[in-house]
Amino acid sequence: MRGSMGRCRDWTQYAFVGPALILLIGINVFPLLYSIALSFTNVDLVGGAWKFVGGFNYAVAFKFAKYGAALRTTALFVCVAVTAELVLGFALALALKDRFRGRAFALTALLVPMMLPQAVIALFWKLVLNGHYGILNQCLGALGTSSCCRFCWLTCGCGRRL
């Protein structure tokens, strides 16, 4: 049998989680729905009126070959990335489940990058893979490759898709 204090405690958890949940929905769901609504109009975003055009914008976009290629590249990237992350995540979880020497270091090495903002990590890799002064090309140069064989990792060939 619960008293009034038990009922009050049940509402307390919703009072703590509710505002954060409402904020997350407002920040994520509202812009998504607004963007979808805008995609079916030809609105001028600088004070223009909305005119419903249906799927015309999508028909125009799908006419371009580059749009289809970009869509295929994105779908391929998503499939490969999700599969690789899932397999790697399960493998690491199984490996780190048991106690072993160096487990604390391994956990720290894996968890610290998750705490860093993705933008910082992207800038870090942009510096590492820079064709002119990146650390990767510097290391390759130290291993004996000539300076004329520098590879532009982010701008040439397959390196663009890194």
N, C-alpha and C. Protein backbone atom coordinates (compact mmCIF):
# COMPACT_ATOMS: atom_id res chain seq x y z
N MET A 1 0.85 -1.18 0.00
CA MET A 1 0.00 0.00 0.00
C MET A 1 0.89 1.24 0.00
N ARG A 2 0.65 2.13 -0.93
CA ARG A 2 1.46 3.33 -1.03
C ARG A 2 0.76 4.50 -0.40
N GLY A 3 1.56 5.33 0.20
CA GLY A 3 1.02 6.56 0.76
C GLY A 3 1.12 7.68 -0.26
N SER A 4 0.77 8.87 0.18
CA SER A 4 0.82 10.01 -0.73
C SER A 4 2.26 10.34 -1.14
N MET A 5 3.22 9.97 -0.30
CA MET A 5 4.62 10.24 -0.63
C MET A 5 5.05 9.40 -1.83
N GLY A 6 4.58 8.14 -1.92
CA GLY A 6 4.91 7.27 -3.04
C GLY A 6 4.38 7.81 -4.36
N ARG A 7 3.17 8.32 -4.35
CA ARG A 7 2.60 8.91 -5.56
C ARG A 7 3.36 10.16 -5.97
N CYS A 8 3.76 10.93 -5.00
CA CYS A 8 4.51 12.16 -5.28
C CYS A 8 5.86 11.80 -5.91
N ARG A 9 6.48 10.75 -5.42
CA ARG A 9 7.77 10.33 -5.96
C ARG A 9 7.61 9.84 -7.40
N ASP A 10 6.50 9.22 -7.74
CA ASP A 10 6.26 8.77 -9.11
C ASP A 10 6.22 9.96 -10.06
N TRP A 11 5.60 11.06 -9.65
CA TRP A 11 5.52 12.26 -10.50
C TRP A 11 6.85 13.00 -10.57
N THR A 12 7.67 12.85 -9.55
CA THR A 12 8.95 13.56 -9.51
C THR A 12 9.85 13.13 -10.66
N GLN A 13 9.88 11.84 -10.95
CA GLN A 13 10.74 11.38 -12.04
C GLN A 13 10.32 11.98 -13.38
N TYR A 14 9.02 12.12 -13.60
CA TYR A 14 8.55 12.74 -14.84
C TYR A 14 8.83 14.24 -14.85
N ALA A 15 8.79 14.86 -13.69
CA ALA A 15 9.08 16.29 -13.60
C ALA A 15 10.54 16.57 -13.95
N PHE A 16 11.43 15.65 -13.61
CA PHE A 16 12.84 15.84 -13.93
C PHE A 16 13.14 15.52 -15.40
N VAL A 17 12.55 14.48 -15.93
CA VAL A 17 12.83 14.04 -17.29
C VAL A 17 12.03 14.84 -18.32
N GLY A 18 10.83 15.26 -17.95
CA GLY A 18 9.93 15.93 -18.88
C GLY A 18 10.50 17.15 -19.59
N PRO A 19 11.04 18.13 -18.88
CA PRO A 19 11.58 19.31 -19.57
C PRO A 19 12.71 18.98 -20.55
N ALA A 20 13.59 18.06 -20.17
CA ALA A 20 14.67 17.68 -21.07
C ALA A 20 14.12 16.98 -22.31
N LEU A 21 13.12 16.14 -22.12
CA LEU A 21 12.51 15.44 -23.24
C LEU A 21 11.79 16.41 -24.18
N ILE A 22 11.08 17.36 -23.62
CA ILE A 22 10.40 18.37 -24.43
C ILE A 22 11.42 19.20 -25.21
N LEU A 23 12.51 19.56 -24.57
CA LEU A 23 13.56 20.33 -25.24
C LEU A 23 14.19 19.53 -26.38
N LEU A 24 14.49 18.27 -26.14
CA LEU A 24 15.07 17.43 -27.20
C LEU A 24 14.11 17.27 -28.37
N ILE A 25 12.85 17.06 -28.09
CA ILE A 25 11.86 16.94 -29.17
C ILE A 25 11.77 18.25 -29.93
N GLY A 26 11.76 19.37 -29.21
CA GLY A 26 11.70 20.67 -29.86
C GLY A 26 12.91 20.96 -30.73
N ILE A 27 14.08 20.56 -30.27
CA ILE A 27 15.31 20.84 -31.01
C ILE A 27 15.47 19.90 -32.20
N ASN A 28 15.01 18.67 -32.08
CA ASN A 28 15.22 17.68 -33.14
C ASN A 28 14.02 17.48 -34.06
N VAL A 29 12.85 17.31 -33.50
CA VAL A 29 11.68 16.95 -34.29
C VAL A 29 11.10 18.15 -35.03
N PHE A 30 10.99 19.29 -34.38
CA PHE A 30 10.40 20.46 -35.03
C PHE A 30 11.17 20.88 -36.28
N PRO A 31 12.50 21.03 -36.25
CA PRO A 31 13.20 21.40 -37.48
C PRO A 31 13.06 20.36 -38.59
N LEU A 32 13.01 19.09 -38.22
CA LEU A 32 12.83 18.04 -39.22
C LEU A 32 11.48 18.19 -39.91
N LEU A 33 10.42 18.32 -39.13
CA LEU A 33 9.08 18.47 -39.71
C LEU A 33 8.96 19.76 -40.52
N TYR A 34 9.58 20.83 -40.03
CA TYR A 34 9.55 22.11 -40.74
C TYR A 34 10.28 22.00 -42.08
N SER A 35 11.40 21.31 -42.10
CA SER A 35 12.15 21.12 -43.35
C SER A 35 11.37 20.28 -44.34
N ILE A 36 10.71 19.25 -43.85
CA ILE A 36 9.88 18.43 -44.74
C ILE A 36 8.75 19.26 -45.32
N ALA A 37 8.11 20.08 -44.49
CA ALA A 37 7.03 20.94 -44.97
C ALA A 37 7.56 21.93 -46.02
N LEU A 38 8.73 22.50 -45.78
CA LEU A 38 9.31 23.45 -46.75
C LEU A 38 9.65 22.78 -48.07
N SER A 39 10.00 21.50 -48.04
CA SER A 39 10.39 20.82 -49.27
C SER A 39 9.23 20.66 -50.24
N PHE A 40 8.01 20.80 -49.78
CA PHE A 40 6.84 20.69 -50.65
C PHE A 40 6.32 22.05 -51.09
N THR A 41 7.09 23.11 -50.86
CA THR A 41 6.69 24.46 -51.25
C THR A 41 7.80 25.11 -52.05
N ASN A 42 7.49 26.26 -52.64
CA ASN A 42 8.53 27.06 -53.29
C ASN A 42 8.67 28.39 -52.55
N VAL A 43 8.73 28.32 -51.24
CA VAL A 43 8.76 29.50 -50.40
C VAL A 43 10.07 30.25 -50.59
N ASP A 44 9.97 31.58 -50.58
CA ASP A 44 11.15 32.43 -50.53
C ASP A 44 11.41 32.67 -49.05
N LEU A 45 12.55 32.22 -48.56
CA LEU A 45 12.80 32.25 -47.12
C LEU A 45 12.97 33.65 -46.57
N VAL A 46 13.08 34.65 -47.44
CA VAL A 46 13.21 36.03 -46.97
C VAL A 46 11.85 36.71 -47.13
N GLY A 47 10.91 36.33 -46.30
CA GLY A 47 9.62 37.00 -46.24
C GLY A 47 8.64 36.65 -47.35
N GLY A 48 8.92 35.63 -48.12
CA GLY A 48 8.03 35.27 -49.21
C GLY A 48 6.84 34.45 -48.74
N ALA A 49 5.85 34.36 -49.59
CA ALA A 49 4.66 33.57 -49.27
C ALA A 49 4.90 32.11 -49.67
N TRP A 50 4.20 31.24 -48.98
CA TRP A 50 4.30 29.82 -49.27
C TRP A 50 3.38 29.47 -50.42
N LYS A 51 3.86 28.68 -51.36
CA LYS A 51 3.01 28.15 -52.42
C LYS A 51 3.29 26.65 -52.50
N PHE A 52 2.25 25.85 -52.28
CA PHE A 52 2.39 24.41 -52.30
C PHE A 52 2.65 23.94 -53.72
N VAL A 53 3.75 23.18 -53.93
CA VAL A 53 4.08 22.67 -55.26
C VAL A 53 4.12 21.15 -55.29
N GLY A 54 3.79 20.51 -54.20
CA GLY A 54 3.77 19.05 -54.15
C GLY A 54 5.16 18.46 -54.29
N GLY A 55 5.29 17.44 -55.10
CA GLY A 55 6.57 16.76 -55.28
C GLY A 55 7.43 17.34 -56.39
N PHE A 56 7.10 18.54 -56.86
CA PHE A 56 7.85 19.16 -57.96
C PHE A 56 9.33 19.32 -57.60
N ASN A 57 9.62 19.77 -56.40
CA ASN A 57 11.02 19.96 -55.99
C ASN A 57 11.78 18.64 -56.03
N TYR A 58 11.13 17.56 -55.63
CA TYR A 58 11.78 16.26 -55.66
C TYR A 58 11.97 15.78 -57.10
N ALA A 59 10.99 16.03 -57.96
CA ALA A 59 11.12 15.65 -59.37
C ALA A 59 12.29 16.38 -60.02
N VAL A 60 12.45 17.66 -59.72
CA VAL A 60 13.57 18.43 -60.26
C VAL A 60 14.89 17.89 -59.74
N ALA A 61 14.95 17.58 -58.46
CA ALA A 61 16.20 17.08 -57.86
C ALA A 61 16.60 15.74 -58.46
N PHE A 62 15.64 14.85 -58.69
CA PHE A 62 15.96 13.52 -59.20
C PHE A 62 16.32 13.54 -60.68
N LYS A 63 16.08 14.64 -61.39
CA LYS A 63 16.48 14.75 -62.79
C LYS A 63 17.99 14.83 -62.94
N PHE A 64 18.69 15.37 -61.95
CA PHE A 64 20.13 15.55 -62.03
C PHE A 64 20.84 14.24 -61.71
N ALA A 65 21.77 13.85 -62.57
CA ALA A 65 22.53 12.61 -62.36
C ALA A 65 23.38 12.69 -61.10
N LYS A 66 23.90 13.88 -60.81
CA LYS A 66 24.75 14.03 -59.62
C LYS A 66 23.96 13.80 -58.34
N TYR A 67 22.68 14.13 -58.35
CA TYR A 67 21.85 13.91 -57.17
C TYR A 67 21.72 12.42 -56.88
N GLY A 68 21.47 11.65 -57.92
CA GLY A 68 21.38 10.20 -57.76
C GLY A 68 22.69 9.60 -57.30
N ALA A 69 23.80 10.10 -57.88
CA ALA A 69 25.12 9.61 -57.47
C ALA A 69 25.40 9.96 -56.02
N ALA A 70 25.04 11.17 -55.62
CA ALA A 70 25.25 11.57 -54.22
C ALA A 70 24.38 10.74 -53.29
N LEU A 71 23.16 10.44 -53.70
CA LEU A 71 22.27 9.62 -52.89
C LEU A 71 22.82 8.20 -52.75
N ARG A 72 23.34 7.64 -53.85
CA ARG A 72 23.93 6.30 -53.80
C ARG A 72 25.17 6.28 -52.91
N THR A 73 26.02 7.31 -53.04
CA THR A 73 27.23 7.38 -52.21
C THR A 73 26.86 7.48 -50.74
N THR A 74 25.85 8.29 -50.43
CA THR A 74 25.40 8.44 -49.05
C THR A 74 24.84 7.12 -48.51
N ALA A 75 24.03 6.44 -49.31
CA ALA A 75 23.45 5.16 -48.88
C ALA A 75 24.55 4.12 -48.67
N LEU A 76 25.53 4.08 -49.56
CA LEU A 76 26.65 3.15 -49.41
C LEU A 76 27.43 3.46 -48.14
N PHE A 77 27.71 4.74 -47.91
CA PHE A 77 28.44 5.14 -46.71
C PHE A 77 27.69 4.75 -45.45
N VAL A 78 26.38 4.99 -45.44
CA VAL A 78 25.57 4.66 -44.26
C VAL A 78 25.59 3.15 -44.02
N CYS A 79 25.39 2.37 -45.06
CA CYS A 79 25.38 0.90 -44.90
C CYS A 79 26.72 0.39 -44.39
N VAL A 80 27.81 0.84 -44.99
CA VAL A 80 29.14 0.38 -44.58
C VAL A 80 29.46 0.85 -43.17
N ALA A 81 29.18 2.13 -42.88
CA ALA A 81 29.52 2.68 -41.57
C ALA A 81 28.71 2.02 -40.46
N VAL A 82 27.42 1.85 -40.67
CA VAL A 82 26.57 1.23 -39.63
C VAL A 82 26.98 -0.22 -39.40
N THR A 83 27.23 -0.95 -40.47
CA THR A 83 27.65 -2.35 -40.32
C THR A 83 28.99 -2.45 -39.61
N ALA A 84 29.95 -1.63 -40.03
CA ALA A 84 31.28 -1.67 -39.40
C ALA A 84 31.21 -1.26 -37.93
N GLU A 85 30.45 -0.22 -37.63
CA GLU A 85 30.33 0.22 -36.24
C GLU A 85 29.65 -0.83 -35.37
N LEU A 86 28.65 -1.48 -35.91
CA LEU A 86 27.94 -2.51 -35.17
C LEU A 86 28.85 -3.70 -34.87
N VAL A 87 29.54 -4.19 -35.89
CA VAL A 87 30.43 -5.33 -35.71
C VAL A 87 31.58 -4.97 -34.78
N LEU A 88 32.21 -3.81 -35.01
CA LEU A 88 33.33 -3.39 -34.17
C LEU A 88 32.87 -3.14 -32.73
N GLY A 89 31.71 -2.54 -32.56
CA GLY A 89 31.19 -2.29 -31.22
C GLY A 89 30.94 -3.56 -30.44
N PHE A 90 30.30 -4.54 -31.09
CA PHE A 90 30.06 -5.81 -30.41
C PHE A 90 31.37 -6.53 -30.11
N ALA A 91 32.32 -6.49 -31.04
CA ALA A 91 33.61 -7.15 -30.82
C ALA A 91 34.35 -6.52 -29.64
N LEU A 92 34.36 -5.19 -29.59
CA LEU A 92 35.02 -4.51 -28.48
C LEU A 92 34.31 -4.77 -27.16
N ALA A 93 32.98 -4.78 -27.18
CA ALA A 93 32.23 -5.05 -25.95
C ALA A 93 32.53 -6.45 -25.43
N LEU A 94 32.58 -7.42 -26.32
CA LEU A 94 32.91 -8.78 -25.89
C LEU A 94 34.35 -8.87 -25.39
N ALA A 95 35.26 -8.16 -26.05
CA ALA A 95 36.67 -8.20 -25.63
C ALA A 95 36.88 -7.52 -24.28
N LEU A 96 36.15 -6.43 -24.03
CA LEU A 96 36.34 -5.66 -22.80
C LEU A 96 35.46 -6.14 -21.66
N LYS A 97 34.63 -7.14 -21.92
CA LYS A 97 33.74 -7.66 -20.88
C LYS A 97 34.53 -8.32 -19.75
N ASP A 98 35.54 -9.06 -20.11
CA ASP A 98 36.35 -9.78 -19.12
C ASP A 98 37.46 -8.89 -18.58
N ARG A 99 37.91 -9.22 -17.39
CA ARG A 99 39.02 -8.47 -16.78
C ARG A 99 40.34 -8.98 -17.35
N PHE A 100 41.23 -8.06 -17.69
CA PHE A 100 42.57 -8.40 -18.16
C PHE A 100 43.50 -7.24 -17.87
N ARG A 101 44.78 -7.50 -17.98
CA ARG A 101 45.76 -6.47 -17.71
C ARG A 101 45.68 -5.41 -18.81
N GLY A 102 45.57 -4.15 -18.43
CA GLY A 102 45.46 -3.05 -19.38
C GLY A 102 44.02 -2.71 -19.74
N ARG A 103 43.07 -3.34 -19.08
CA ARG A 103 41.66 -3.09 -19.38
C ARG A 103 41.27 -1.64 -19.09
N ALA A 104 41.76 -1.09 -17.98
CA ALA A 104 41.44 0.30 -17.63
C ALA A 104 41.97 1.26 -18.69
N PHE A 105 43.18 1.01 -19.18
CA PHE A 105 43.75 1.85 -20.23
C PHE A 105 42.93 1.73 -21.52
N ALA A 106 42.56 0.50 -21.87
CA ALA A 106 41.78 0.28 -23.09
C ALA A 106 40.43 0.98 -23.00
N LEU A 107 39.77 0.88 -21.85
CA LEU A 107 38.48 1.55 -21.67
C LEU A 107 38.64 3.07 -21.78
N THR A 108 39.70 3.60 -21.16
CA THR A 108 39.95 5.04 -21.24
C THR A 108 40.22 5.46 -22.67
N ALA A 109 41.05 4.70 -23.37
CA ALA A 109 41.37 5.03 -24.76
C ALA A 109 40.15 4.98 -25.66
N LEU A 110 39.19 4.13 -25.34
CA LEU A 110 37.97 4.03 -26.15
C LEU A 110 36.91 5.05 -25.76
N LEU A 111 36.82 5.40 -24.49
CA LEU A 111 35.75 6.27 -24.03
C LEU A 111 36.06 7.75 -24.18
N VAL A 112 37.33 8.14 -24.08
CA VAL A 112 37.68 9.56 -24.18
C VAL A 112 37.27 10.15 -25.54
N PRO A 113 37.54 9.48 -26.67
CA PRO A 113 37.08 10.07 -27.94
C PRO A 113 35.57 10.23 -28.04
N MET A 114 34.82 9.39 -27.34
CA MET A 114 33.37 9.54 -27.36
C MET A 114 32.92 10.79 -26.64
N MET A 115 33.76 11.27 -25.74
CA MET A 115 33.41 12.46 -24.98
C MET A 115 33.79 13.74 -25.70
N LEU A 116 34.65 13.65 -26.70
CA LEU A 116 35.06 14.84 -27.45
C LEU A 116 33.99 15.19 -28.48
N PRO A 117 33.77 16.45 -28.71
CA PRO A 117 32.81 16.83 -29.75
C PRO A 117 33.30 16.37 -31.12
N GLN A 118 32.37 15.99 -31.95
CA GLN A 118 32.72 15.47 -33.27
C GLN A 118 33.44 16.51 -34.13
N ALA A 119 33.14 17.77 -33.93
CA ALA A 119 33.80 18.81 -34.72
C ALA A 119 35.29 18.86 -34.42
N VAL A 120 35.66 18.68 -33.17
CA VAL A 120 37.08 18.69 -32.80
C VAL A 120 37.79 17.51 -33.44
N ILE A 121 37.15 16.36 -33.44
CA ILE A 121 37.74 15.18 -34.05
C ILE A 121 37.89 15.38 -35.56
N ALA A 122 36.88 15.97 -36.19
CA ALA A 122 36.97 16.23 -37.63
C ALA A 122 38.12 17.18 -37.95
N LEU A 123 38.29 18.23 -37.17
CA LEU A 123 39.41 19.15 -37.39
C LEU A 123 40.75 18.46 -37.18
N PHE A 124 40.82 17.60 -36.18
CA PHE A 124 42.05 16.84 -35.93
C PHE A 124 42.42 16.00 -37.16
N TRP A 125 41.46 15.26 -37.70
CA TRP A 125 41.75 14.42 -38.86
C TRP A 125 42.04 15.25 -40.09
N LYS A 126 41.43 16.41 -40.20
CA LYS A 126 41.74 17.30 -41.31
C LYS A 126 43.20 17.74 -41.25
N LEU A 127 43.70 18.00 -40.06
CA LEU A 127 45.11 18.35 -39.90
C LEU A 127 46.02 17.16 -40.17
N VAL A 128 45.65 15.99 -39.69
CA VAL A 128 46.48 14.79 -39.90
C VAL A 128 46.58 14.46 -41.38
N LEU A 129 45.48 14.57 -42.12
CA LEU A 129 45.44 14.16 -43.52
C LEU A 129 45.72 15.28 -44.50
N ASN A 130 46.12 16.45 -44.02
CA ASN A 130 46.42 17.58 -44.90
C ASN A 130 47.56 17.20 -45.85
N GLY A 131 47.39 17.52 -47.13
CA GLY A 131 48.37 17.13 -48.14
C GLY A 131 49.69 17.87 -48.04
N HIS A 132 49.70 19.07 -47.52
CA HIS A 132 50.93 19.87 -47.49
C HIS A 132 51.70 19.73 -46.19
N TYR A 133 51.03 19.78 -45.07
CA TYR A 133 51.74 19.75 -43.79
C TYR A 133 51.15 18.76 -42.79
N GLY A 134 50.39 17.81 -43.27
CA GLY A 134 49.78 16.82 -42.38
C GLY A 134 50.80 15.87 -41.78
N ILE A 135 50.52 15.41 -40.59
CA ILE A 135 51.44 14.53 -39.87
C ILE A 135 51.59 13.19 -40.58
N LEU A 136 50.57 12.72 -41.27
CA LEU A 136 50.67 11.45 -41.98
C LEU A 136 51.70 11.54 -43.10
N ASN A 137 51.66 12.61 -43.89
CA ASN A 137 52.67 12.80 -44.93
C ASN A 137 54.05 13.02 -44.34
N GLN A 138 54.13 13.67 -43.19
CA GLN A 138 55.43 13.86 -42.53
C GLN A 138 56.00 12.50 -42.11
N CYS A 139 55.16 11.64 -41.58
CA CYS A 139 55.62 10.30 -41.17
C CYS A 139 56.05 9.48 -42.39
N LEU A 140 55.28 9.57 -43.47
CA LEU A 140 55.66 8.86 -44.69
C LEU A 140 56.98 9.39 -45.24
N GLY A 141 57.19 10.72 -45.15
CA GLY A 141 58.46 11.30 -45.57
C GLY A 141 59.61 10.82 -44.72
N ALA A 142 59.39 10.67 -43.42
CA ALA A 142 60.44 10.17 -42.53
C ALA A 142 60.77 8.71 -42.82
N LEU A 143 59.82 7.98 -43.38
CA LEU A 143 60.06 6.58 -43.71
C LEU A 143 60.77 6.41 -45.05
N GLY A 144 61.00 7.53 -45.76
CA GLY A 144 61.78 7.44 -46.98
C GLY A 144 61.07 7.80 -48.26
N THR A 145 59.80 8.14 -48.22
CA THR A 145 59.16 8.57 -49.46
C THR A 145 59.64 9.97 -49.78
N SER A 146 59.77 10.27 -51.06
CA SER A 146 60.29 11.58 -51.45
C SER A 146 59.22 12.64 -51.24
N SER A 147 59.66 13.88 -51.16
CA SER A 147 58.73 14.98 -50.90
C SER A 147 57.79 15.22 -52.08
N CYS A 148 58.17 14.76 -53.29
CA CYS A 148 57.29 14.95 -54.44
C CYS A 148 56.15 13.93 -54.45
N CYS A 149 56.22 12.92 -53.60
CA CYS A 149 55.19 11.88 -53.56
C CYS A 149 54.18 12.13 -52.45
N ARG A 150 53.99 13.38 -52.07
CA ARG A 150 53.00 13.69 -51.05
C ARG A 150 51.62 13.38 -51.60
N PHE A 151 50.78 12.80 -50.78
CA PHE A 151 49.43 12.44 -51.21
C PHE A 151 48.43 13.40 -50.59
N CYS A 152 47.57 13.97 -51.40
CA CYS A 152 46.50 14.85 -50.91
C CYS A 152 45.33 13.95 -50.52
N TRP A 153 45.31 13.52 -49.28
CA TRP A 153 44.37 12.51 -48.81
C TRP A 153 42.91 12.93 -48.96
N LEU A 154 42.61 14.19 -48.78
CA LEU A 154 41.21 14.63 -48.77
C LEU A 154 40.75 15.23 -50.09
N THR A 155 41.65 15.39 -51.06
CA THR A 155 41.25 16.06 -52.29
C THR A 155 41.50 15.25 -53.54
N CYS A 156 42.18 14.13 -53.45
CA CYS A 156 42.53 13.35 -54.64
C CYS A 156 41.86 11.98 -54.61
N GLY A 157 41.26 11.61 -55.71
CA GLY A 157 40.76 10.25 -55.90
C GLY A 157 39.89 9.74 -54.78
N CYS A 158 40.18 8.51 -54.35
CA CYS A 158 39.39 7.85 -53.31
C CYS A 158 39.53 8.51 -51.96
N GLY A 159 40.61 9.26 -51.75
CA GLY A 159 40.82 9.92 -50.47
C GLY A 159 39.74 10.93 -50.14
N ARG A 160 39.05 11.44 -51.15
CA ARG A 160 37.98 12.41 -50.92
C ARG A 160 36.87 11.83 -50.07
N ARG A 161 36.67 10.56 -50.17
CA ARG A 161 35.53 9.94 -49.48
C ARG A 161 35.86 9.51 -48.07
N LEU A 162 37.06 9.85 -47.59
CA LEU A 162 37.43 9.46 -46.22
C LEU A 162 36.53 10.11 -45.24
